[in-house]
Amino acid sequence: MEEKTVQEKIALNIRLYRIRKGLKQEQLAELIDMSQQHISLIEKAEALPKITTLMKLAEVFGTTVDDLLH
């Protein structure tokens, strides 16, 4: 079995945290002032979020950036 890349791990974690919070991509995008399309790209591991975006996501999810990275 192939190990996930860091980008894939981040993408999966963000998606899981968003779902646990009961948020749609559109709602999350609005909370962190980002387009829904960009959230989608991040969750598909097609874009890597900036550290400032990770910090905003961690705040919305009530977690740490470290948790989003692992």
Protein backbone atom coordinates (compact mmCIF):
# COMPACT_ATOMS: atom_id res chain seq x y z
CA MET A 1 0.00 0.00 0.00
CA GLU A 2 1.33 3.39 -0.99
CA GLU A 3 1.88 5.93 1.80
CA LYS A 4 0.03 9.23 1.48
CA THR A 5 1.95 12.39 0.72
CA VAL A 6 1.90 15.27 3.18
CA GLN A 7 -0.40 17.15 0.82
CA GLU A 8 -2.82 14.20 0.71
CA LYS A 9 -2.78 13.92 4.53
CA ILE A 10 -3.55 17.63 4.89
CA ALA A 11 -6.35 17.35 2.32
CA LEU A 12 -7.93 14.40 4.11
CA ASN A 13 -7.65 16.03 7.54
CA ILE A 14 -9.25 19.26 6.36
CA ARG A 15 -12.11 17.36 4.75
CA LEU A 16 -12.67 15.23 7.87
CA TYR A 17 -12.63 18.25 10.20
CA ARG A 18 -15.03 20.12 7.91
CA ILE A 19 -17.45 17.20 7.85
CA ARG A 20 -17.25 16.75 11.64
CA LYS A 21 -18.16 20.43 12.02
CA GLY A 22 -21.15 19.90 9.74
CA LEU A 23 -19.93 22.50 7.27
CA LYS A 24 -20.31 22.52 3.51
CA GLN A 25 -17.36 23.69 1.45
CA GLU A 26 -19.21 26.92 0.70
CA GLN A 27 -19.76 27.62 4.40
CA LEU A 28 -16.13 26.93 5.27
CA ALA A 29 -14.96 29.10 2.40
CA GLU A 30 -17.04 32.00 3.68
CA LEU A 31 -15.70 31.59 7.24
CA ILE A 32 -12.09 31.85 6.11
CA ASP A 33 -12.63 34.31 3.22
CA MET A 34 -11.71 31.91 0.43
CA SER A 35 -13.52 30.60 -2.63
CA GLN A 36 -15.35 27.29 -2.51
CA GLN A 37 -13.38 26.25 -5.57
CA HIS A 38 -10.10 26.68 -3.70
CA ILE A 39 -11.39 24.67 -0.73
CA SER A 40 -12.30 21.94 -3.20
CA LEU A 41 -8.80 21.97 -4.71
CA ILE A 42 -7.24 21.74 -1.24
CA GLU A 43 -9.49 18.81 -0.27
CA LYS A 44 -8.60 17.00 -3.50
CA ALA A 45 -4.87 17.56 -2.78
CA GLU A 46 -4.59 19.64 -5.94
CA ALA A 47 -3.57 22.77 -4.02
CA LEU A 48 -1.51 23.18 -0.88
CA PRO A 49 -2.89 25.69 1.63
CA LYS A 50 -0.70 28.55 2.84
CA ILE A 51 0.26 28.61 6.51
CA THR A 52 -2.11 31.54 7.07
CA THR A 53 -4.95 29.45 5.62
CA LEU A 54 -4.00 26.52 7.86
CA MET A 55 -4.11 28.87 10.86
CA LYS A 56 -7.61 30.08 9.92
CA LEU A 57 -8.79 26.50 9.38
CA ALA A 58 -7.38 25.37 12.72
CA GLU A 59 -9.23 28.21 14.45
CA VAL A 60 -12.54 27.33 12.77
CA PHE A 61 -12.10 23.64 13.57
CA GLY A 62 -10.97 24.25 17.18
CA THR A 63 -7.72 22.40 16.62
CA THR A 64 -4.06 23.11 15.90
CA VAL A 65 -2.15 23.49 12.66
CA ASP A 66 -0.07 20.52 13.80
CA ASP A 67 -3.19 18.35 13.91
CA LEU A 68 -4.09 19.39 10.36
CA LEU A 69 -0.61 18.43 9.17
CA HIS A 70 -0.64 14.95 10.67
